[in-house]
N, C-alpha and C. Protein backbone atom coordinates (compact mmCIF):
# COMPACT_ATOMS: atom_id res chain seq x y z
N UNK A 1 -64.41 34.19 53.91
CA UNK A 1 -64.20 34.69 52.61
C UNK A 1 -63.31 35.93 52.65
N UNK A 2 -63.46 36.71 53.69
CA UNK A 2 -62.63 37.90 53.84
C UNK A 2 -61.17 37.52 54.07
N UNK A 3 -60.94 36.45 54.78
CA UNK A 3 -59.56 36.02 55.04
C UNK A 3 -58.86 35.59 53.74
N UNK A 4 -59.64 34.99 52.84
CA UNK A 4 -59.07 34.58 51.56
C UNK A 4 -58.70 35.80 50.72
N UNK A 5 -59.55 36.83 50.76
CA UNK A 5 -59.26 38.04 49.99
C UNK A 5 -58.05 38.76 50.56
N UNK A 6 -57.93 38.77 51.86
CA UNK A 6 -56.77 39.40 52.49
C UNK A 6 -55.50 38.65 52.10
N UNK A 7 -55.58 37.33 52.10
CA UNK A 7 -54.43 36.49 51.74
C UNK A 7 -54.07 36.72 50.26
N UNK A 8 -55.09 36.85 49.40
CA UNK A 8 -54.85 37.08 47.98
C UNK A 8 -54.19 38.43 47.76
N UNK A 9 -54.63 39.47 48.47
CA UNK A 9 -54.02 40.79 48.32
C UNK A 9 -52.58 40.79 48.81
N UNK A 10 -52.32 40.07 49.89
CA UNK A 10 -50.96 39.99 50.43
C UNK A 10 -50.03 39.30 49.41
N UNK A 11 -50.49 38.23 48.82
CA UNK A 11 -49.69 37.49 47.84
C UNK A 11 -49.48 38.35 46.58
N UNK A 12 -50.54 39.10 46.18
CA UNK A 12 -50.42 39.97 45.02
C UNK A 12 -49.39 41.06 45.27
N UNK A 13 -49.36 41.64 46.48
CA UNK A 13 -48.38 42.67 46.83
C UNK A 13 -46.96 42.10 46.83
N UNK A 14 -46.79 40.88 47.35
CA UNK A 14 -45.46 40.25 47.37
C UNK A 14 -44.98 39.99 45.94
N UNK A 15 -45.91 39.57 45.08
CA UNK A 15 -45.54 39.30 43.70
C UNK A 15 -45.14 40.60 42.99
N UNK A 16 -45.88 41.65 43.20
CA UNK A 16 -45.54 42.94 42.59
C UNK A 16 -44.19 43.44 43.09
N UNK A 17 -43.94 43.27 44.39
CA UNK A 17 -42.67 43.70 44.97
C UNK A 17 -41.51 42.91 44.35
N UNK A 18 -41.66 41.58 44.23
CA UNK A 18 -40.63 40.74 43.63
C UNK A 18 -40.40 41.11 42.17
N UNK A 19 -41.49 41.42 41.44
CA UNK A 19 -41.37 41.79 40.03
C UNK A 19 -40.64 43.12 39.89
N UNK A 20 -40.93 44.06 40.77
CA UNK A 20 -40.25 45.35 40.74
C UNK A 20 -38.77 45.20 41.02
N UNK A 21 -38.41 44.35 42.00
CA UNK A 21 -37.00 44.11 42.32
C UNK A 21 -36.30 43.48 41.11
N UNK A 22 -36.98 42.51 40.48
CA UNK A 22 -36.40 41.83 39.32
C UNK A 22 -36.15 42.82 38.18
N UNK A 23 -37.09 43.68 37.88
CA UNK A 23 -36.91 44.63 36.78
C UNK A 23 -35.80 45.63 37.08
N UNK A 24 -35.67 46.04 38.37
CA UNK A 24 -34.59 46.97 38.73
C UNK A 24 -33.23 46.30 38.55
N UNK A 25 -33.12 45.03 38.98
CA UNK A 25 -31.84 44.30 38.83
C UNK A 25 -31.53 44.09 37.35
N UNK A 26 -32.52 43.79 36.53
CA UNK A 26 -32.31 43.60 35.10
C UNK A 26 -31.84 44.89 34.45
N UNK A 27 -32.42 46.02 34.87
CA UNK A 27 -31.99 47.31 34.33
C UNK A 27 -30.55 47.62 34.74
N UNK A 28 -30.20 47.29 35.98
CA UNK A 28 -28.83 47.53 36.44
C UNK A 28 -27.84 46.67 35.64
N UNK A 29 -28.25 45.44 35.35
CA UNK A 29 -27.39 44.54 34.55
C UNK A 29 -27.18 45.11 33.15
N UNK A 30 -28.23 45.58 32.52
CA UNK A 30 -28.12 46.18 31.20
C UNK A 30 -27.22 47.41 31.23
N UNK A 31 -27.34 48.21 32.29
CA UNK A 31 -26.49 49.41 32.43
C UNK A 31 -25.03 49.00 32.59
N UNK A 32 -24.76 47.94 33.37
CA UNK A 32 -23.38 47.49 33.57
C UNK A 32 -22.79 46.97 32.26
N UNK A 33 -23.59 46.22 31.48
CA UNK A 33 -23.10 45.71 30.20
C UNK A 33 -22.78 46.87 29.25
N UNK A 34 -23.63 47.86 29.23
CA UNK A 34 -23.40 49.02 28.36
C UNK A 34 -22.15 49.77 28.79
N UNK A 35 -21.90 49.85 30.11
CA UNK A 35 -20.72 50.56 30.61
C UNK A 35 -19.44 49.79 30.23
N UNK A 36 -19.49 48.46 30.36
CA UNK A 36 -18.32 47.63 30.00
C UNK A 36 -18.05 47.77 28.51
N UNK A 37 -19.09 47.77 27.71
CA UNK A 37 -18.91 47.90 26.26
C UNK A 37 -18.39 49.29 25.91
N UNK A 38 -18.78 50.26 26.70
CA UNK A 38 -18.31 51.63 26.47
C UNK A 38 -16.84 51.77 26.82
N UNK A 39 -16.41 51.07 27.88
CA UNK A 39 -15.01 51.15 28.33
C UNK A 39 -14.10 50.37 27.38
N UNK A 40 -14.55 49.21 26.90
CA UNK A 40 -13.74 48.36 26.03
C UNK A 40 -13.64 48.99 24.66
N UNK A 41 -12.42 49.18 24.16
CA UNK A 41 -12.28 49.79 22.83
C UNK A 41 -12.65 48.80 21.73
N UNK A 42 -13.07 49.30 20.61
CA UNK A 42 -13.45 48.48 19.48
C UNK A 42 -12.20 47.94 18.79
N UNK A 43 -11.15 48.64 18.80
CA UNK A 43 -9.92 48.22 18.17
C UNK A 43 -8.78 48.38 19.16
N UNK A 44 -7.67 47.66 18.93
CA UNK A 44 -6.49 47.77 19.78
C UNK A 44 -5.30 48.10 18.90
N UNK A 45 -4.31 48.69 19.47
CA UNK A 45 -3.11 49.07 18.76
C UNK A 45 -2.14 47.89 18.84
N UNK A 46 -1.72 47.41 17.69
CA UNK A 46 -0.78 46.30 17.62
C UNK A 46 0.61 46.88 17.58
N UNK A 47 1.49 46.23 18.38
CA UNK A 47 2.87 46.70 18.40
C UNK A 47 3.52 46.37 17.07
N UNK A 48 4.37 47.21 16.59
CA UNK A 48 5.02 46.94 15.30
C UNK A 48 5.95 45.73 15.40
N UNK A 49 6.12 45.05 14.28
CA UNK A 49 6.97 43.87 14.23
C UNK A 49 8.43 44.28 14.38
N UNK A 50 9.17 43.43 15.10
CA UNK A 50 10.60 43.69 15.26
C UNK A 50 11.36 42.40 14.96
N UNK A 51 12.50 42.51 14.36
CA UNK A 51 13.33 41.36 14.02
C UNK A 51 14.14 40.99 15.25
N UNK A 52 14.08 39.70 15.69
CA UNK A 52 14.85 39.31 16.87
C UNK A 52 16.35 39.31 16.56
N UNK A 53 17.14 39.50 17.61
CA UNK A 53 18.59 39.56 17.43
C UNK A 53 19.19 38.16 17.26
N UNK A 54 18.61 37.16 17.94
CA UNK A 54 19.08 35.78 17.78
C UNK A 54 17.87 34.86 17.67
N UNK A 55 18.00 33.76 16.93
CA UNK A 55 16.85 32.88 16.73
C UNK A 55 16.45 32.18 18.04
N UNK A 56 15.17 32.03 18.24
CA UNK A 56 14.67 31.39 19.46
C UNK A 56 14.59 29.88 19.29
N UNK A 57 14.03 29.41 18.18
CA UNK A 57 13.87 27.97 17.94
C UNK A 57 14.03 27.73 16.46
N UNK A 58 14.41 26.61 15.98
CA UNK A 58 14.94 25.46 16.68
C UNK A 58 16.40 25.67 17.06
N UNK A 59 16.78 25.02 18.13
CA UNK A 59 18.15 25.12 18.61
C UNK A 59 19.00 24.13 17.81
N UNK A 60 19.73 24.62 16.85
CA UNK A 60 20.47 23.77 15.91
C UNK A 60 21.58 23.00 16.60
N UNK A 61 22.19 23.56 17.60
CA UNK A 61 23.28 22.87 18.30
C UNK A 61 22.73 21.64 19.03
N UNK A 62 21.57 21.78 19.68
CA UNK A 62 20.99 20.64 20.40
C UNK A 62 20.54 19.55 19.41
N UNK A 63 20.03 19.95 18.26
CA UNK A 63 19.64 18.96 17.25
C UNK A 63 20.87 18.20 16.76
N UNK A 64 21.96 18.90 16.51
CA UNK A 64 23.20 18.27 16.06
C UNK A 64 23.72 17.30 17.12
N UNK A 65 23.74 17.72 18.38
CA UNK A 65 24.21 16.85 19.46
C UNK A 65 23.32 15.62 19.57
N UNK A 66 22.00 15.79 19.44
CA UNK A 66 21.07 14.66 19.52
C UNK A 66 21.31 13.65 18.42
N UNK A 67 21.51 14.12 17.18
CA UNK A 67 21.73 13.20 16.08
C UNK A 67 23.09 12.50 16.20
N UNK A 68 24.09 13.18 16.68
CA UNK A 68 25.39 12.53 16.91
C UNK A 68 25.25 11.43 17.96
N UNK A 69 24.50 11.71 19.02
CA UNK A 69 24.27 10.71 20.06
C UNK A 69 23.52 9.50 19.50
N UNK A 70 22.46 9.75 18.73
CA UNK A 70 21.70 8.63 18.15
C UNK A 70 22.55 7.83 17.17
N UNK A 71 23.41 8.49 16.40
CA UNK A 71 24.29 7.78 15.48
C UNK A 71 25.27 6.89 16.25
N UNK A 72 25.80 7.40 17.36
CA UNK A 72 26.71 6.60 18.18
C UNK A 72 26.02 5.39 18.77
N UNK A 73 24.82 5.59 19.32
CA UNK A 73 24.08 4.46 19.91
C UNK A 73 23.73 3.44 18.83
N UNK A 74 23.31 3.92 17.65
CA UNK A 74 23.00 3.00 16.56
C UNK A 74 24.21 2.22 16.09
N UNK A 75 25.36 2.86 16.00
CA UNK A 75 26.59 2.18 15.57
C UNK A 75 27.00 1.12 16.57
N UNK A 76 26.97 1.47 17.85
CA UNK A 76 27.35 0.49 18.88
C UNK A 76 26.38 -0.68 18.87
N UNK A 77 25.07 -0.41 18.72
CA UNK A 77 24.09 -1.49 18.64
C UNK A 77 24.32 -2.38 17.44
N UNK A 78 24.65 -1.77 16.30
CA UNK A 78 24.93 -2.56 15.10
C UNK A 78 26.15 -3.45 15.31
N UNK A 79 27.20 -2.89 15.86
CA UNK A 79 28.44 -3.65 16.04
C UNK A 79 28.24 -4.77 17.05
N UNK A 80 27.55 -4.50 18.15
CA UNK A 80 27.42 -5.50 19.22
C UNK A 80 26.37 -6.55 18.92
N UNK A 81 25.26 -6.19 18.30
CA UNK A 81 24.15 -7.13 18.21
C UNK A 81 23.80 -7.53 16.79
N UNK A 82 23.48 -6.59 15.96
CA UNK A 82 22.87 -6.89 14.67
C UNK A 82 23.86 -7.51 13.70
N UNK A 83 25.10 -7.08 13.70
CA UNK A 83 26.10 -7.55 12.75
C UNK A 83 26.29 -9.07 12.89
N UNK A 84 26.51 -9.55 14.11
CA UNK A 84 26.70 -10.99 14.33
C UNK A 84 25.42 -11.77 14.04
N UNK A 85 24.29 -11.23 14.43
CA UNK A 85 23.02 -11.89 14.17
C UNK A 85 22.77 -12.03 12.68
N UNK A 86 23.07 -10.99 11.92
CA UNK A 86 22.88 -11.02 10.48
C UNK A 86 23.84 -12.00 9.81
N UNK A 87 25.08 -12.03 10.28
CA UNK A 87 26.05 -12.99 9.72
C UNK A 87 25.59 -14.42 9.98
N UNK A 88 25.12 -14.70 11.20
CA UNK A 88 24.65 -16.05 11.53
C UNK A 88 23.43 -16.44 10.71
N UNK A 89 22.54 -15.50 10.50
CA UNK A 89 21.34 -15.78 9.72
C UNK A 89 21.70 -16.06 8.26
N UNK A 90 22.61 -15.26 7.69
CA UNK A 90 23.03 -15.47 6.30
C UNK A 90 23.75 -16.81 6.15
N UNK A 91 24.57 -17.14 7.13
CA UNK A 91 25.31 -18.39 7.06
C UNK A 91 24.35 -19.58 7.11
N UNK A 92 23.38 -19.54 8.01
CA UNK A 92 22.41 -20.62 8.11
C UNK A 92 21.57 -20.70 6.84
N UNK A 93 21.22 -19.56 6.29
CA UNK A 93 20.42 -19.54 5.07
C UNK A 93 21.22 -20.09 3.89
N UNK A 94 22.50 -19.73 3.78
CA UNK A 94 23.34 -20.24 2.69
C UNK A 94 23.55 -21.73 2.82
N UNK A 95 23.74 -22.22 4.05
CA UNK A 95 23.91 -23.66 4.25
C UNK A 95 22.66 -24.41 3.83
N UNK A 96 21.51 -23.87 4.12
CA UNK A 96 20.28 -24.53 3.75
C UNK A 96 20.09 -24.51 2.24
N UNK A 97 20.47 -23.42 1.58
CA UNK A 97 20.31 -23.33 0.14
C UNK A 97 21.31 -24.22 -0.59
N UNK A 98 22.49 -24.43 -0.03
CA UNK A 98 23.51 -25.24 -0.69
C UNK A 98 23.33 -26.72 -0.42
N UNK A 99 22.53 -27.06 0.56
CA UNK A 99 22.35 -28.46 0.93
C UNK A 99 21.64 -29.19 -0.22
N UNK A 100 22.22 -30.29 -0.64
CA UNK A 100 21.65 -31.05 -1.75
C UNK A 100 20.37 -31.77 -1.33
N UNK A 101 20.25 -32.08 -0.07
CA UNK A 101 19.08 -32.81 0.39
C UNK A 101 17.96 -31.87 0.86
N UNK A 102 18.13 -30.58 0.63
CA UNK A 102 17.10 -29.62 1.06
C UNK A 102 15.82 -29.85 0.27
N UNK A 103 14.71 -29.75 0.99
CA UNK A 103 13.43 -29.95 0.34
C UNK A 103 12.94 -28.61 -0.19
N UNK A 104 12.27 -28.66 -1.31
CA UNK A 104 11.66 -27.45 -1.84
C UNK A 104 10.26 -27.82 -2.32
N UNK A 105 9.46 -26.84 -2.52
CA UNK A 105 8.07 -27.05 -2.93
C UNK A 105 7.98 -27.14 -4.44
N UNK A 106 7.16 -28.04 -4.88
CA UNK A 106 6.89 -28.22 -6.30
C UNK A 106 5.40 -28.01 -6.53
N UNK A 107 5.06 -27.53 -7.71
CA UNK A 107 3.67 -27.42 -8.10
C UNK A 107 3.38 -28.58 -9.05
N UNK A 108 2.43 -29.40 -8.68
CA UNK A 108 2.03 -30.51 -9.53
C UNK A 108 0.71 -30.12 -10.16
N UNK A 109 0.69 -30.06 -11.49
CA UNK A 109 -0.52 -29.69 -12.21
C UNK A 109 -1.30 -30.95 -12.56
N UNK A 110 -2.60 -30.87 -12.39
CA UNK A 110 -3.47 -32.00 -12.69
C UNK A 110 -4.75 -31.48 -13.34
N UNK A 111 -5.58 -32.39 -13.77
CA UNK A 111 -6.87 -31.99 -14.33
C UNK A 111 -7.74 -31.42 -13.21
N UNK A 112 -8.58 -30.44 -13.52
CA UNK A 112 -9.46 -29.91 -12.47
C UNK A 112 -10.33 -31.01 -11.87
N UNK A 113 -10.60 -30.91 -10.59
CA UNK A 113 -11.40 -31.82 -9.78
C UNK A 113 -10.70 -33.15 -9.52
N UNK A 114 -9.40 -33.26 -9.85
CA UNK A 114 -8.64 -34.46 -9.49
C UNK A 114 -7.59 -34.16 -8.43
N UNK A 115 -7.67 -32.97 -7.81
CA UNK A 115 -6.66 -32.55 -6.84
C UNK A 115 -6.64 -33.46 -5.61
N UNK A 116 -7.81 -33.80 -5.09
CA UNK A 116 -7.87 -34.64 -3.88
C UNK A 116 -7.32 -36.04 -4.15
N UNK A 117 -7.63 -36.59 -5.30
CA UNK A 117 -7.15 -37.93 -5.66
C UNK A 117 -5.63 -37.92 -5.79
N UNK A 118 -5.08 -36.88 -6.43
CA UNK A 118 -3.63 -36.76 -6.56
C UNK A 118 -2.98 -36.59 -5.19
N UNK A 119 -3.60 -35.80 -4.32
CA UNK A 119 -3.06 -35.62 -2.97
C UNK A 119 -3.02 -36.94 -2.21
N UNK A 120 -4.06 -37.76 -2.34
CA UNK A 120 -4.09 -39.07 -1.67
C UNK A 120 -2.96 -39.96 -2.17
N UNK A 121 -2.74 -40.01 -3.49
CA UNK A 121 -1.68 -40.85 -4.04
C UNK A 121 -0.30 -40.36 -3.58
N UNK A 122 -0.10 -39.05 -3.58
CA UNK A 122 1.20 -38.52 -3.16
C UNK A 122 1.42 -38.74 -1.67
N UNK A 123 0.39 -38.59 -0.85
CA UNK A 123 0.53 -38.84 0.60
C UNK A 123 0.86 -40.29 0.88
N UNK A 124 0.24 -41.22 0.15
CA UNK A 124 0.52 -42.64 0.34
C UNK A 124 1.97 -42.94 -0.04
N UNK A 125 2.49 -42.23 -1.07
CA UNK A 125 3.86 -42.44 -1.52
C UNK A 125 4.88 -41.75 -0.60
N UNK A 126 4.42 -40.97 0.40
CA UNK A 126 5.34 -40.35 1.36
C UNK A 126 5.67 -38.90 1.08
N UNK A 127 4.96 -38.29 0.17
CA UNK A 127 5.18 -36.88 -0.13
C UNK A 127 4.29 -36.02 0.76
N UNK A 128 4.80 -34.87 1.14
CA UNK A 128 3.99 -33.92 1.90
C UNK A 128 3.29 -33.01 0.90
N UNK A 129 1.96 -32.94 1.00
CA UNK A 129 1.19 -32.18 0.02
C UNK A 129 0.41 -31.06 0.70
N UNK A 130 0.05 -30.09 -0.12
CA UNK A 130 -0.74 -28.95 0.37
C UNK A 130 -1.60 -28.45 -0.78
N UNK A 131 -2.88 -28.31 -0.51
CA UNK A 131 -3.79 -27.77 -1.51
C UNK A 131 -4.78 -26.87 -0.76
N UNK A 132 -4.60 -25.55 -0.83
CA UNK A 132 -5.52 -24.67 -0.10
C UNK A 132 -6.94 -24.76 -0.66
N UNK A 133 -7.89 -24.85 0.25
CA UNK A 133 -9.29 -25.00 -0.14
C UNK A 133 -10.09 -23.76 0.24
N UNK A 134 -11.20 -23.56 -0.46
CA UNK A 134 -12.11 -22.48 -0.14
C UNK A 134 -13.54 -23.01 -0.17
N UNK A 135 -14.40 -22.40 0.60
CA UNK A 135 -15.80 -22.80 0.65
C UNK A 135 -16.61 -21.83 -0.20
N UNK A 136 -17.37 -22.41 -1.14
CA UNK A 136 -18.25 -21.57 -1.95
C UNK A 136 -19.68 -22.08 -1.76
N UNK A 137 -20.63 -21.20 -1.98
CA UNK A 137 -22.04 -21.54 -1.84
C UNK A 137 -22.69 -21.46 -3.22
N UNK A 138 -23.35 -22.56 -3.61
CA UNK A 138 -23.96 -22.66 -4.93
C UNK A 138 -25.45 -22.94 -4.74
N UNK A 139 -26.28 -22.34 -5.58
CA UNK A 139 -27.72 -22.56 -5.53
C UNK A 139 -28.09 -23.67 -6.50
N UNK A 140 -28.42 -24.86 -5.96
CA UNK A 140 -28.84 -25.99 -6.77
C UNK A 140 -30.28 -26.33 -6.42
N UNK A 141 -31.14 -26.36 -7.38
CA UNK A 141 -32.54 -26.72 -7.19
C UNK A 141 -33.19 -25.90 -6.09
N UNK A 142 -32.86 -24.62 -6.01
CA UNK A 142 -33.46 -23.74 -5.01
C UNK A 142 -32.89 -23.90 -3.62
N UNK A 143 -31.85 -24.73 -3.45
CA UNK A 143 -31.22 -24.93 -2.14
C UNK A 143 -29.78 -24.45 -2.21
N UNK A 144 -29.33 -23.83 -1.13
CA UNK A 144 -27.94 -23.38 -1.05
C UNK A 144 -27.07 -24.57 -0.62
N UNK A 145 -26.12 -24.93 -1.42
CA UNK A 145 -25.19 -26.02 -1.12
C UNK A 145 -23.83 -25.43 -0.83
N UNK A 146 -23.16 -25.99 0.15
CA UNK A 146 -21.81 -25.57 0.51
C UNK A 146 -20.83 -26.55 -0.13
N UNK A 147 -19.94 -26.03 -0.96
CA UNK A 147 -18.97 -26.87 -1.67
C UNK A 147 -17.57 -26.41 -1.31
N UNK A 148 -16.69 -27.36 -1.05
CA UNK A 148 -15.29 -27.04 -0.76
C UNK A 148 -14.50 -27.37 -2.01
N UNK A 149 -13.87 -26.36 -2.59
CA UNK A 149 -13.11 -26.52 -3.83
C UNK A 149 -11.70 -25.97 -3.62
N UNK A 150 -10.73 -26.43 -4.44
CA UNK A 150 -9.37 -25.91 -4.31
C UNK A 150 -9.31 -24.43 -4.67
N UNK A 151 -8.45 -23.72 -3.98
CA UNK A 151 -8.26 -22.30 -4.25
C UNK A 151 -7.59 -22.11 -5.61
N UNK A 152 -6.62 -22.99 -5.92
CA UNK A 152 -5.96 -22.98 -7.22
C UNK A 152 -6.40 -24.24 -7.95
N UNK A 153 -7.31 -24.09 -8.88
CA UNK A 153 -7.86 -25.24 -9.58
C UNK A 153 -6.78 -25.93 -10.41
N UNK A 154 -6.65 -27.24 -10.23
CA UNK A 154 -5.70 -28.02 -11.00
C UNK A 154 -4.28 -28.00 -10.46
N UNK A 155 -4.06 -27.45 -9.25
CA UNK A 155 -2.70 -27.37 -8.69
C UNK A 155 -2.65 -28.02 -7.32
N UNK A 156 -1.59 -28.79 -7.10
CA UNK A 156 -1.29 -29.37 -5.78
C UNK A 156 0.15 -29.04 -5.49
N UNK A 157 0.43 -28.57 -4.28
CA UNK A 157 1.79 -28.25 -3.87
C UNK A 157 2.37 -29.46 -3.15
N UNK A 158 3.58 -29.81 -3.53
CA UNK A 158 4.22 -31.00 -2.96
C UNK A 158 5.62 -30.63 -2.51
N UNK A 159 6.03 -31.15 -1.34
CA UNK A 159 7.35 -30.82 -0.81
C UNK A 159 8.16 -32.09 -0.66
N UNK A 160 9.04 -32.35 -1.62
CA UNK A 160 9.98 -33.46 -1.58
C UNK A 160 10.61 -33.59 -2.95
N UNK A 161 11.78 -34.18 -3.00
CA UNK A 161 12.41 -34.43 -4.29
C UNK A 161 11.58 -35.46 -5.05
N UNK A 162 11.55 -35.33 -6.37
CA UNK A 162 10.68 -36.18 -7.16
C UNK A 162 11.45 -37.33 -7.81
N UNK A 163 12.22 -38.08 -7.03
CA UNK A 163 12.81 -39.29 -7.56
C UNK A 163 11.72 -40.36 -7.51
N UNK A 164 11.51 -41.05 -8.57
CA UNK A 164 10.50 -42.11 -8.60
C UNK A 164 9.09 -41.58 -8.61
N UNK A 165 8.90 -40.38 -9.11
CA UNK A 165 7.58 -39.76 -9.12
C UNK A 165 6.61 -40.55 -9.99
N UNK A 166 7.09 -41.02 -11.14
CA UNK A 166 6.18 -41.69 -12.09
C UNK A 166 5.67 -43.01 -11.52
N UNK A 167 6.39 -43.59 -10.54
CA UNK A 167 5.93 -44.85 -10.01
C UNK A 167 4.73 -44.69 -9.07
N UNK A 168 4.52 -43.49 -8.51
CA UNK A 168 3.41 -43.32 -7.56
C UNK A 168 2.18 -42.71 -8.20
N UNK A 169 2.28 -42.07 -9.35
CA UNK A 169 1.14 -41.42 -9.98
C UNK A 169 1.06 -41.81 -11.44
N UNK A 170 -0.15 -42.06 -11.88
CA UNK A 170 -0.32 -42.37 -13.29
C UNK A 170 -0.37 -41.09 -14.10
N UNK A 171 -0.21 -41.21 -15.39
CA UNK A 171 -0.17 -40.04 -16.26
C UNK A 171 -1.52 -39.32 -16.27
N UNK A 172 -2.61 -40.04 -16.09
CA UNK A 172 -3.93 -39.40 -16.16
C UNK A 172 -4.19 -38.49 -14.96
N UNK A 173 -3.52 -38.73 -13.82
CA UNK A 173 -3.76 -37.92 -12.63
C UNK A 173 -2.97 -36.62 -12.63
N UNK A 174 -1.77 -36.64 -13.18
CA UNK A 174 -0.97 -35.41 -13.17
C UNK A 174 -0.37 -35.19 -14.55
N UNK A 175 -0.30 -33.95 -14.92
CA UNK A 175 0.22 -33.62 -16.24
C UNK A 175 1.71 -33.35 -16.18
N UNK A 176 2.13 -32.39 -15.38
CA UNK A 176 3.55 -32.06 -15.26
C UNK A 176 3.75 -31.33 -13.95
N UNK A 177 5.01 -31.14 -13.58
CA UNK A 177 5.29 -30.43 -12.33
C UNK A 177 6.43 -29.47 -12.55
N UNK A 178 6.50 -28.45 -11.69
CA UNK A 178 7.59 -27.49 -11.75
C UNK A 178 7.97 -27.14 -10.33
N UNK A 179 9.25 -26.92 -10.11
CA UNK A 179 9.74 -26.61 -8.78
C UNK A 179 10.13 -25.16 -8.64
N UNK A 180 10.12 -24.68 -7.40
CA UNK A 180 10.58 -23.33 -7.12
C UNK A 180 11.24 -23.28 -5.77
């Protein structure tokens, strides 16, 4: 039992010694902070403003040289590449527009919900048709039904000249058509 008390006193002395060292170091730190704050001034003297003798930035001469260089590169690129490409594209486009046999799209108007039937008749007759569809969900008798309906109700797009149109479609399926 005496050995335990001796050990306890030794540990208590070591703890007190460590605590004393810690408090001394903390006091020294506080003193150092106070000294630094005492040395550092609260305000500083700002140098008065002075007007520079020559401008530092932007360098206007370099900007001018850069834009002249870019204009030259752009002009050479236009002359060598874009000009001929644009002429060829316009020529091909004009030839296609002037061609009498060129196909164009027509809008064929029909009664709503007869678009698929009209498309079938036109496809059988050799016309290329297009009718964009969308999926909608409808609640019937408490059940969700998925229905595919035309995006443009009563319209079918057709691509071909309409010679002999009346021979492939009856009047009840389509009302009239317009081209664009």
